[in-house]
N, C-alpha and C. Protein backbone atom coordinates (compact mmCIF):
# COMPACT_ATOMS: atom_id res chain seq x y z
N MET A 1 0.83 -1.19 0.00
CA MET A 1 0.00 0.00 0.00
C MET A 1 0.88 1.25 0.00
N ASN A 2 0.41 2.26 -0.70
CA ASN A 2 1.08 3.56 -0.68
C ASN A 2 0.69 4.34 0.56
N LEU A 3 1.51 5.32 0.91
CA LEU A 3 1.13 6.24 1.96
C LEU A 3 -0.07 7.05 1.51
N SER A 4 -0.93 7.38 2.43
CA SER A 4 -2.05 8.27 2.15
C SER A 4 -1.51 9.70 2.05
N ALA A 5 -2.37 10.64 1.65
CA ALA A 5 -1.97 12.05 1.61
C ALA A 5 -1.53 12.50 3.00
N ARG A 6 -2.25 12.05 4.02
CA ARG A 6 -1.88 12.39 5.40
C ARG A 6 -0.50 11.81 5.74
N GLY A 7 -0.26 10.57 5.33
CA GLY A 7 1.03 9.93 5.58
C GLY A 7 2.17 10.66 4.89
N ARG A 8 1.95 11.13 3.68
CA ARG A 8 2.98 11.90 2.97
C ARG A 8 3.26 13.22 3.68
N ALA A 9 2.21 13.87 4.17
CA ALA A 9 2.40 15.13 4.93
C ALA A 9 3.17 14.86 6.21
N GLN A 10 2.85 13.76 6.90
CA GLN A 10 3.57 13.39 8.12
C GLN A 10 5.04 13.12 7.82
N ALA A 11 5.31 12.47 6.69
CA ALA A 11 6.70 12.18 6.30
C ALA A 11 7.48 13.46 6.05
N ARG A 12 6.85 14.45 5.44
CA ARG A 12 7.53 15.74 5.20
C ARG A 12 7.83 16.44 6.52
N THR A 13 6.89 16.39 7.46
CA THR A 13 7.12 17.01 8.77
C THR A 13 8.23 16.27 9.52
N LEU A 14 8.24 14.95 9.42
CA LEU A 14 9.32 14.17 10.03
C LEU A 14 10.67 14.57 9.44
N ALA A 15 10.73 14.74 8.13
CA ALA A 15 11.98 15.14 7.47
C ALA A 15 12.44 16.49 7.99
N ASP A 16 11.51 17.42 8.15
CA ASP A 16 11.87 18.75 8.69
C ASP A 16 12.40 18.63 10.11
N PHE A 17 11.74 17.78 10.91
CA PHE A 17 12.17 17.60 12.31
C PHE A 17 13.57 16.99 12.39
N LEU A 18 13.84 16.00 11.56
CA LEU A 18 15.13 15.31 11.61
C LEU A 18 16.24 16.06 10.88
N HIS A 19 15.87 17.05 10.09
CA HIS A 19 16.85 17.81 9.30
C HIS A 19 17.95 18.37 10.21
N GLY A 20 19.17 18.10 9.84
CA GLY A 20 20.31 18.62 10.58
C GLY A 20 20.81 17.73 11.69
N LYS A 21 20.10 16.65 11.97
CA LYS A 21 20.59 15.73 13.00
C LYS A 21 21.72 14.89 12.38
N PRO A 22 22.84 14.81 13.05
CA PRO A 22 24.02 14.15 12.46
C PRO A 22 24.00 12.62 12.61
N PHE A 23 23.38 11.95 11.68
CA PHE A 23 23.34 10.49 11.70
C PHE A 23 24.57 9.92 11.00
N ALA A 24 25.19 8.96 11.65
CA ALA A 24 26.33 8.28 11.04
C ALA A 24 25.87 7.31 9.96
N ALA A 25 24.63 6.81 10.12
CA ALA A 25 24.10 5.85 9.16
C ALA A 25 22.58 5.87 9.24
N ILE A 26 21.98 5.44 8.15
CA ILE A 26 20.52 5.32 8.07
C ILE A 26 20.21 3.92 7.57
N TYR A 27 19.43 3.18 8.36
CA TYR A 27 19.01 1.84 7.99
C TYR A 27 17.50 1.84 7.80
N ALA A 28 17.01 1.03 6.87
CA ALA A 28 15.59 1.04 6.58
C ALA A 28 15.08 -0.31 6.11
N SER A 29 13.83 -0.53 6.40
CA SER A 29 13.09 -1.66 5.85
C SER A 29 12.91 -1.44 4.35
N PRO A 30 12.87 -2.51 3.58
CA PRO A 30 12.64 -2.36 2.15
C PRO A 30 11.17 -2.12 1.79
N MET A 31 10.28 -2.22 2.74
CA MET A 31 8.85 -2.14 2.43
C MET A 31 8.46 -0.74 1.96
N LYS A 32 7.51 -0.71 1.05
CA LYS A 32 7.14 0.48 0.30
C LYS A 32 6.81 1.69 1.18
N ARG A 33 5.98 1.51 2.19
CA ARG A 33 5.56 2.66 3.01
C ARG A 33 6.74 3.24 3.80
N VAL A 34 7.64 2.40 4.23
CA VAL A 34 8.84 2.91 4.92
C VAL A 34 9.68 3.70 3.93
N GLN A 35 9.86 3.18 2.74
CA GLN A 35 10.65 3.88 1.73
C GLN A 35 10.00 5.23 1.38
N GLN A 36 8.69 5.26 1.29
CA GLN A 36 8.00 6.52 1.01
C GLN A 36 8.09 7.49 2.18
N THR A 37 8.12 6.98 3.40
CA THR A 37 8.28 7.84 4.58
C THR A 37 9.69 8.40 4.63
N LEU A 38 10.66 7.60 4.26
CA LEU A 38 12.07 8.00 4.31
C LEU A 38 12.45 8.98 3.21
N ALA A 39 11.80 8.91 2.06
CA ALA A 39 12.20 9.70 0.88
C ALA A 39 12.36 11.20 1.14
N PRO A 40 11.42 11.89 1.81
CA PRO A 40 11.62 13.32 2.05
C PRO A 40 12.84 13.62 2.91
N PHE A 41 13.13 12.73 3.87
CA PHE A 41 14.30 12.94 4.72
C PHE A 41 15.58 12.77 3.92
N LEU A 42 15.65 11.75 3.08
CA LEU A 42 16.84 11.56 2.25
C LEU A 42 17.07 12.76 1.35
N LYS A 43 15.99 13.35 0.86
CA LYS A 43 16.13 14.54 0.02
C LYS A 43 16.68 15.71 0.83
N THR A 44 16.20 15.91 2.05
CA THR A 44 16.73 17.02 2.87
C THR A 44 18.19 16.77 3.22
N MET A 45 18.56 15.51 3.42
CA MET A 45 19.96 15.19 3.73
C MET A 45 20.85 15.51 2.52
N ALA A 46 20.39 15.15 1.35
CA ALA A 46 21.17 15.40 0.13
C ALA A 46 21.32 16.89 -0.13
N ASP A 47 20.30 17.67 0.23
CA ASP A 47 20.31 19.11 -0.02
C ASP A 47 20.96 19.91 1.11
N ALA A 48 21.29 19.26 2.21
CA ALA A 48 21.81 19.98 3.39
C ALA A 48 23.21 20.52 3.14
N PRO A 49 23.48 21.73 3.63
CA PRO A 49 24.86 22.23 3.56
C PRO A 49 25.75 21.39 4.48
N LEU A 50 27.03 21.41 4.21
CA LEU A 50 27.97 20.54 4.93
C LEU A 50 27.88 20.63 6.45
N PRO A 51 27.74 21.79 7.09
CA PRO A 51 27.70 21.78 8.55
C PRO A 51 26.52 21.00 9.12
N ARG A 52 25.47 20.81 8.33
CA ARG A 52 24.30 20.11 8.84
C ARG A 52 24.39 18.60 8.58
N ARG A 53 25.37 18.17 7.88
CA ARG A 53 25.55 16.74 7.63
C ARG A 53 26.33 16.12 8.78
N HIS A 54 26.56 14.85 8.67
CA HIS A 54 27.36 14.14 9.66
C HIS A 54 28.73 14.80 9.76
N PRO A 55 29.37 14.79 10.94
CA PRO A 55 30.69 15.41 11.09
C PRO A 55 31.72 14.98 10.05
N SER A 56 31.53 13.84 9.44
CA SER A 56 32.46 13.40 8.40
C SER A 56 32.31 14.25 7.13
N GLY A 57 31.24 15.04 7.07
CA GLY A 57 30.98 15.85 5.89
C GLY A 57 30.15 15.12 4.85
N LYS A 58 29.82 13.86 5.12
CA LYS A 58 29.06 13.07 4.16
C LYS A 58 27.61 12.94 4.62
N SER A 59 26.72 12.88 3.67
CA SER A 59 25.33 12.51 3.97
C SER A 59 25.24 11.00 3.86
N PRO A 60 24.89 10.34 4.94
CA PRO A 60 24.83 8.87 4.84
C PRO A 60 23.69 8.43 3.93
N ALA A 61 23.96 7.49 3.09
CA ALA A 61 22.92 6.88 2.27
C ALA A 61 22.20 5.85 3.13
N GLN A 62 21.02 5.49 2.71
CA GLN A 62 20.32 4.45 3.45
C GLN A 62 20.89 3.08 3.11
N THR A 63 20.86 2.21 4.09
CA THR A 63 21.18 0.80 3.88
C THR A 63 19.88 0.05 4.12
N ILE A 64 19.41 -0.64 3.11
CA ILE A 64 18.17 -1.39 3.23
C ILE A 64 18.49 -2.77 3.81
N LEU A 65 17.79 -3.09 4.89
CA LEU A 65 17.98 -4.38 5.55
C LEU A 65 16.64 -5.12 5.59
N PRO A 66 16.52 -6.22 4.87
CA PRO A 66 15.26 -6.96 4.85
C PRO A 66 14.80 -7.40 6.25
N ASP A 67 15.73 -7.58 7.18
CA ASP A 67 15.34 -8.02 8.52
C ASP A 67 14.65 -6.92 9.32
N LEU A 68 14.58 -5.69 8.78
CA LEU A 68 13.85 -4.61 9.45
C LEU A 68 12.40 -4.52 8.99
N GLN A 69 11.98 -5.45 8.10
CA GLN A 69 10.58 -5.38 7.67
C GLN A 69 9.67 -5.89 8.78
N GLU A 70 8.40 -5.50 8.67
CA GLU A 70 7.41 -5.84 9.69
C GLU A 70 7.28 -7.34 9.85
N ILE A 71 6.75 -7.73 10.98
CA ILE A 71 6.51 -9.15 11.24
C ILE A 71 5.59 -9.72 10.16
N ASP A 72 5.79 -10.98 9.84
CA ASP A 72 4.92 -11.67 8.90
C ASP A 72 3.66 -12.08 9.66
N PHE A 73 2.54 -11.43 9.33
CA PHE A 73 1.28 -11.70 10.01
C PHE A 73 0.54 -12.91 9.44
N GLY A 74 1.17 -13.64 8.55
CA GLY A 74 0.56 -14.87 8.04
C GLY A 74 -0.85 -14.67 7.54
N ASP A 75 -1.78 -15.49 8.04
CA ASP A 75 -3.17 -15.44 7.59
C ASP A 75 -3.87 -14.14 7.98
N TRP A 76 -3.30 -13.38 8.90
CA TRP A 76 -3.89 -12.09 9.28
C TRP A 76 -3.57 -10.99 8.26
N SER A 77 -2.61 -11.23 7.39
CA SER A 77 -2.17 -10.19 6.44
C SER A 77 -3.35 -9.71 5.60
N GLY A 78 -3.41 -8.40 5.44
CA GLY A 78 -4.45 -7.78 4.62
C GLY A 78 -5.73 -7.46 5.36
N TYR A 79 -5.83 -7.89 6.61
CA TYR A 79 -7.04 -7.60 7.40
C TYR A 79 -6.75 -6.49 8.40
N ASN A 80 -7.75 -5.64 8.67
CA ASN A 80 -7.60 -4.67 9.76
C ASN A 80 -7.94 -5.38 11.07
N TRP A 81 -7.75 -4.68 12.20
CA TRP A 81 -7.93 -5.34 13.50
C TRP A 81 -9.36 -5.83 13.72
N ASN A 82 -10.35 -5.06 13.26
CA ASN A 82 -11.74 -5.51 13.41
C ASN A 82 -11.99 -6.78 12.62
N GLU A 83 -11.42 -6.87 11.43
CA GLU A 83 -11.58 -8.06 10.61
C GLU A 83 -10.86 -9.26 11.23
N VAL A 84 -9.69 -9.04 11.80
CA VAL A 84 -8.97 -10.12 12.49
C VAL A 84 -9.81 -10.64 13.65
N ARG A 85 -10.42 -9.70 14.36
CA ARG A 85 -11.25 -10.09 15.50
C ARG A 85 -12.42 -10.96 15.05
N LYS A 86 -13.09 -10.53 13.98
CA LYS A 86 -14.26 -11.29 13.48
C LYS A 86 -13.86 -12.63 12.89
N LYS A 87 -12.82 -12.63 12.06
CA LYS A 87 -12.44 -13.85 11.33
C LYS A 87 -11.69 -14.86 12.20
N PHE A 88 -10.82 -14.35 13.11
CA PHE A 88 -9.95 -15.26 13.87
C PHE A 88 -10.27 -15.29 15.37
N GLY A 89 -11.19 -14.42 15.81
CA GLY A 89 -11.58 -14.41 17.22
C GLY A 89 -10.51 -13.89 18.16
N VAL A 90 -9.66 -13.00 17.66
CA VAL A 90 -8.56 -12.45 18.47
C VAL A 90 -8.83 -10.98 18.72
N HIS A 91 -8.77 -10.59 19.97
CA HIS A 91 -8.94 -9.18 20.32
C HIS A 91 -7.71 -8.40 19.87
N PRO A 92 -7.89 -7.22 19.27
CA PRO A 92 -6.74 -6.45 18.78
C PRO A 92 -5.66 -6.19 19.82
N TYR A 93 -6.05 -6.05 21.08
CA TYR A 93 -5.05 -5.77 22.12
C TYR A 93 -4.21 -7.00 22.48
N ASP A 94 -4.60 -8.15 21.99
CA ASP A 94 -3.89 -9.39 22.29
C ASP A 94 -2.90 -9.80 21.20
N TRP A 95 -2.71 -8.94 20.19
CA TRP A 95 -1.90 -9.35 19.04
C TRP A 95 -0.47 -9.69 19.43
N LEU A 96 0.12 -8.96 20.35
CA LEU A 96 1.50 -9.25 20.74
C LEU A 96 1.60 -10.57 21.51
N ASP A 97 0.58 -10.87 22.31
CA ASP A 97 0.55 -12.17 23.00
C ASP A 97 0.43 -13.30 21.98
N GLU A 98 -0.41 -13.11 20.97
CA GLU A 98 -0.60 -14.13 19.93
C GLU A 98 0.70 -14.40 19.18
N ILE A 99 1.43 -13.33 18.86
CA ILE A 99 2.72 -13.48 18.18
C ILE A 99 3.71 -14.21 19.09
N GLU A 100 3.77 -13.76 20.34
CA GLU A 100 4.70 -14.38 21.30
C GLU A 100 4.43 -15.87 21.45
N LEU A 101 3.17 -16.25 21.43
CA LEU A 101 2.79 -17.66 21.59
C LEU A 101 2.87 -18.46 20.29
N GLY A 102 3.13 -17.78 19.18
CA GLY A 102 3.16 -18.47 17.89
C GLY A 102 1.78 -18.88 17.43
N ALA A 103 0.76 -18.10 17.83
CA ALA A 103 -0.63 -18.46 17.54
C ALA A 103 -1.21 -17.78 16.30
N VAL A 104 -0.39 -17.04 15.56
CA VAL A 104 -0.86 -16.41 14.32
C VAL A 104 -0.70 -17.45 13.21
N PRO A 105 -1.82 -17.91 12.62
CA PRO A 105 -1.74 -18.97 11.62
C PRO A 105 -0.83 -18.59 10.45
N ASN A 106 0.15 -19.44 10.21
CA ASN A 106 1.11 -19.27 9.10
C ASN A 106 1.94 -17.99 9.21
N GLY A 107 2.00 -17.42 10.40
CA GLY A 107 2.78 -16.20 10.61
C GLY A 107 4.08 -16.48 11.35
N GLU A 108 4.85 -15.46 11.45
CA GLU A 108 6.12 -15.52 12.18
C GLU A 108 5.80 -15.57 13.67
N ASN A 109 6.49 -16.43 14.42
CA ASN A 109 6.24 -16.48 15.86
C ASN A 109 7.22 -15.56 16.58
N GLY A 110 7.01 -15.39 17.86
CA GLY A 110 7.82 -14.47 18.65
C GLY A 110 9.30 -14.79 18.64
N VAL A 111 9.65 -16.07 18.70
CA VAL A 111 11.07 -16.46 18.70
C VAL A 111 11.70 -16.13 17.36
N GLN A 112 11.02 -16.45 16.27
CA GLN A 112 11.55 -16.13 14.94
C GLN A 112 11.71 -14.62 14.75
N PHE A 113 10.69 -13.88 15.15
CA PHE A 113 10.70 -12.43 15.00
C PHE A 113 11.83 -11.81 15.82
N ARG A 114 11.93 -12.24 17.08
CA ARG A 114 12.97 -11.70 17.96
C ARG A 114 14.36 -12.02 17.41
N THR A 115 14.57 -13.24 16.97
CA THR A 115 15.88 -13.64 16.45
C THR A 115 16.25 -12.80 15.24
N ARG A 116 15.29 -12.61 14.34
CA ARG A 116 15.54 -11.83 13.13
C ARG A 116 15.91 -10.38 13.47
N VAL A 117 15.11 -9.74 14.31
CA VAL A 117 15.35 -8.33 14.64
C VAL A 117 16.59 -8.18 15.51
N GLU A 118 16.78 -9.07 16.47
CA GLU A 118 17.92 -8.98 17.38
C GLU A 118 19.25 -9.11 16.62
N THR A 119 19.33 -10.06 15.72
CA THR A 119 20.54 -10.24 14.93
C THR A 119 20.85 -8.98 14.13
N CYS A 120 19.83 -8.43 13.50
CA CYS A 120 19.99 -7.21 12.70
C CYS A 120 20.38 -6.03 13.59
N LEU A 121 19.69 -5.84 14.70
CA LEU A 121 19.96 -4.73 15.62
C LEU A 121 21.38 -4.79 16.17
N PHE A 122 21.80 -5.95 16.62
CA PHE A 122 23.15 -6.06 17.19
C PHE A 122 24.23 -5.87 16.13
N ASP A 123 23.94 -6.23 14.90
CA ASP A 123 24.88 -5.97 13.81
C ASP A 123 25.01 -4.46 13.59
N ILE A 124 23.91 -3.74 13.61
CA ILE A 124 23.94 -2.27 13.46
C ILE A 124 24.74 -1.65 14.62
N ILE A 125 24.47 -2.09 15.82
CA ILE A 125 25.16 -1.55 17.00
C ILE A 125 26.66 -1.83 16.92
N ARG A 126 27.01 -3.03 16.49
CA ARG A 126 28.43 -3.41 16.36
C ARG A 126 29.14 -2.54 15.32
N ARG A 127 28.44 -2.19 14.25
CA ARG A 127 29.03 -1.36 13.19
C ARG A 127 29.23 0.10 13.61
N HIS A 128 28.48 0.55 14.61
CA HIS A 128 28.47 1.98 14.93
C HIS A 128 28.62 2.25 16.43
N PRO A 129 29.69 1.79 17.04
CA PRO A 129 29.84 2.03 18.48
C PRO A 129 29.93 3.53 18.77
N GLY A 130 29.09 4.00 19.69
CA GLY A 130 29.13 5.40 20.10
C GLY A 130 28.56 6.38 19.09
N GLU A 131 28.00 5.89 17.99
CA GLU A 131 27.48 6.78 16.95
C GLU A 131 25.95 6.81 16.99
N THR A 132 25.39 7.84 16.39
CA THR A 132 23.95 7.98 16.28
C THR A 132 23.51 7.48 14.91
N VAL A 133 22.60 6.52 14.92
CA VAL A 133 22.07 6.00 13.66
C VAL A 133 20.55 6.13 13.67
N ALA A 134 19.98 6.17 12.49
CA ALA A 134 18.52 6.20 12.33
C ALA A 134 18.08 4.87 11.74
N ILE A 135 17.00 4.35 12.28
CA ILE A 135 16.40 3.14 11.74
C ILE A 135 14.95 3.47 11.38
N PHE A 136 14.63 3.34 10.11
CA PHE A 136 13.26 3.57 9.64
C PHE A 136 12.62 2.20 9.46
N SER A 137 11.55 1.97 10.23
CA SER A 137 10.96 0.65 10.20
C SER A 137 9.47 0.71 10.52
N HIS A 138 8.96 -0.31 11.20
CA HIS A 138 7.54 -0.51 11.43
C HIS A 138 7.25 -0.61 12.92
N GLY A 139 5.98 -0.43 13.29
CA GLY A 139 5.58 -0.48 14.69
C GLY A 139 5.98 -1.76 15.40
N GLY A 140 5.76 -2.90 14.76
CA GLY A 140 6.12 -4.16 15.38
C GLY A 140 7.62 -4.29 15.59
N VAL A 141 8.40 -3.81 14.64
CA VAL A 141 9.86 -3.86 14.76
C VAL A 141 10.32 -2.91 15.86
N ILE A 142 9.72 -1.73 15.94
CA ILE A 142 10.07 -0.78 17.01
C ILE A 142 9.77 -1.40 18.36
N ARG A 143 8.63 -2.05 18.48
CA ARG A 143 8.30 -2.73 19.74
C ARG A 143 9.33 -3.82 20.07
N MET A 144 9.73 -4.58 19.05
CA MET A 144 10.70 -5.64 19.30
C MET A 144 12.06 -5.05 19.68
N VAL A 145 12.48 -3.97 19.03
CA VAL A 145 13.75 -3.32 19.39
C VAL A 145 13.69 -2.87 20.85
N LEU A 146 12.57 -2.27 21.26
CA LEU A 146 12.42 -1.86 22.66
C LEU A 146 12.45 -3.06 23.59
N ALA A 147 11.78 -4.15 23.21
CA ALA A 147 11.78 -5.36 24.03
C ALA A 147 13.21 -5.88 24.21
N ILE A 148 13.99 -5.86 23.14
CA ILE A 148 15.37 -6.35 23.20
C ILE A 148 16.23 -5.42 24.06
N LEU A 149 16.18 -4.13 23.78
CA LEU A 149 17.06 -3.19 24.47
C LEU A 149 16.68 -2.97 25.93
N LEU A 150 15.40 -3.15 26.26
CA LEU A 150 14.94 -2.95 27.64
C LEU A 150 14.75 -4.28 28.37
N ASP A 151 15.09 -5.38 27.71
CA ASP A 151 14.97 -6.72 28.28
C ASP A 151 13.55 -6.99 28.77
N LEU A 152 12.59 -6.79 27.86
CA LEU A 152 11.18 -6.99 28.16
C LEU A 152 10.61 -8.10 27.28
N PRO A 153 9.59 -8.79 27.76
CA PRO A 153 8.86 -9.68 26.85
C PRO A 153 8.10 -8.81 25.84
N LEU A 154 7.98 -9.25 24.61
CA LEU A 154 7.32 -8.47 23.58
C LEU A 154 5.93 -7.98 24.00
N PRO A 155 5.07 -8.81 24.60
CA PRO A 155 3.74 -8.32 24.97
C PRO A 155 3.75 -7.12 25.93
N LYS A 156 4.79 -6.96 26.72
CA LYS A 156 4.88 -5.79 27.63
C LYS A 156 4.93 -4.48 26.86
N THR A 157 5.41 -4.53 25.61
CA THR A 157 5.52 -3.29 24.83
C THR A 157 4.16 -2.80 24.36
N ASN A 158 3.11 -3.57 24.61
CA ASN A 158 1.76 -3.12 24.30
C ASN A 158 1.40 -1.91 25.17
N SER A 159 2.16 -1.68 26.24
CA SER A 159 1.96 -0.52 27.10
C SER A 159 2.46 0.76 26.45
N PHE A 160 3.21 0.65 25.37
CA PHE A 160 3.75 1.81 24.67
C PHE A 160 2.91 2.09 23.43
N GLU A 161 2.55 3.34 23.25
CA GLU A 161 1.90 3.71 22.00
C GLU A 161 2.99 3.94 20.96
N ILE A 162 2.83 3.35 19.81
CA ILE A 162 3.77 3.55 18.70
C ILE A 162 2.93 3.99 17.50
N GLU A 163 2.96 5.28 17.20
CA GLU A 163 2.19 5.86 16.10
C GLU A 163 2.95 5.72 14.79
N TYR A 164 2.22 5.86 13.69
CA TYR A 164 2.87 5.99 12.39
C TYR A 164 3.72 7.26 12.41
N THR A 165 4.84 7.21 11.75
CA THR A 165 5.73 8.36 11.57
C THR A 165 6.12 8.99 12.90
N SER A 166 6.40 8.15 13.87
CA SER A 166 6.85 8.65 15.18
C SER A 166 8.34 8.41 15.34
N VAL A 167 8.91 9.08 16.33
CA VAL A 167 10.34 8.96 16.62
C VAL A 167 10.50 8.38 18.02
N THR A 168 11.27 7.33 18.12
CA THR A 168 11.67 6.76 19.39
C THR A 168 13.19 6.77 19.41
N GLN A 169 13.75 7.28 20.50
CA GLN A 169 15.20 7.43 20.61
C GLN A 169 15.69 6.71 21.85
N VAL A 170 16.67 5.84 21.65
CA VAL A 170 17.24 5.06 22.76
C VAL A 170 18.75 5.30 22.79
N ALA A 171 19.24 5.66 23.96
CA ALA A 171 20.69 5.82 24.15
C ALA A 171 21.22 4.55 24.80
N LEU A 172 22.29 4.01 24.21
CA LEU A 172 22.90 2.79 24.74
C LEU A 172 24.08 3.17 25.62
N HIS A 173 24.02 2.77 26.86
CA HIS A 173 25.08 3.03 27.83
C HIS A 173 25.62 1.70 28.33
N PRO A 174 26.86 1.67 28.83
CA PRO A 174 27.40 0.40 29.32
C PRO A 174 26.56 -0.23 30.45
N HIS A 175 25.96 0.60 31.28
CA HIS A 175 25.23 0.08 32.44
C HIS A 175 23.72 -0.07 32.22
N LEU A 176 23.17 0.61 31.20
CA LEU A 176 21.76 0.49 30.90
C LEU A 176 21.46 1.14 29.56
N ASN A 177 20.30 0.81 29.02
CA ASN A 177 19.82 1.46 27.81
C ASN A 177 18.68 2.39 28.23
N GLU A 178 18.73 3.62 27.76
CA GLU A 178 17.82 4.65 28.23
C GLU A 178 16.93 5.16 27.09
N VAL A 179 15.61 5.08 27.30
CA VAL A 179 14.67 5.64 26.33
C VAL A 179 14.64 7.15 26.55
N GLU A 180 15.11 7.88 25.55
CA GLU A 180 15.15 9.33 25.66
C GLU A 180 13.92 9.99 25.04
N LEU A 181 13.32 9.31 24.08
CA LEU A 181 12.14 9.82 23.39
C LEU A 181 11.32 8.61 22.99
N LEU A 182 10.03 8.65 23.25
CA LEU A 182 9.17 7.51 22.92
C LEU A 182 7.93 8.02 22.20
N ASN A 183 7.73 7.54 20.98
CA ASN A 183 6.53 7.84 20.22
C ASN A 183 6.32 9.35 20.02
N PHE A 184 7.40 10.08 19.81
CA PHE A 184 7.27 11.51 19.52
C PHE A 184 6.78 11.66 18.09
N THR A 185 5.69 12.37 17.91
CA THR A 185 5.09 12.54 16.59
C THR A 185 5.27 13.98 16.15
N PRO A 186 6.27 14.27 15.34
CA PRO A 186 6.51 15.65 14.92
C PRO A 186 5.29 16.30 14.28
N TRP A 187 4.51 15.54 13.53
CA TRP A 187 3.33 16.06 12.85
C TRP A 187 2.24 16.49 13.84
N ARG A 188 2.30 16.01 15.08
CA ARG A 188 1.32 16.38 16.09
C ARG A 188 1.93 17.20 17.22
N ASP A 189 3.16 16.87 17.62
CA ASP A 189 3.73 17.41 18.85
C ASP A 189 4.78 18.50 18.66
N TRP A 190 5.25 18.68 17.48
CA TRP A 190 6.40 19.57 17.27
C TRP A 190 5.93 20.94 16.81
N VAL A 191 6.38 21.96 17.51
CA VAL A 191 6.07 23.33 17.11
C VAL A 191 7.34 23.90 16.50
N ARG A 192 7.23 24.31 15.25
CA ARG A 192 8.41 24.83 14.55
C ARG A 192 8.62 26.29 14.85
């Protein structure tokens, strides 16, 4: 699916908000909506004067990582939450529990999902010690990244709201990982 007109406007506001932030690298899911969300930001990075780019003077290009794509919802794919509830008898608020239990028919289970995202995340961290990187991905992946970095079971992340086109920022420290920003929505919360 393509981004809606609202989604495209949110992506432009996100690009404005992130403009000038010195990212050492940008990683992204290959999925269409993520790529469409990322496009305005990549354009602002390419057009930025040198002081606004990374200290190296380069604008980092995106690296597409298939392991950053959303969880495979199996038989639930293509249905909205109300349709999943009617067709499969699952309450929308229980989706993370269903994934964790491997109860999504023909879908990725919690162990598979965690392994995929964790391997990818730790590879990114290993490549960029002490650097700031951006990861453009999906709500389920953001929840899994938080579960990994905060040592939480995936269903616990249901307590966090993760909006479309939101920013979550985590600082990695030797003694703990600290959530500095959670679900910040520039299109709603940012005053320019």
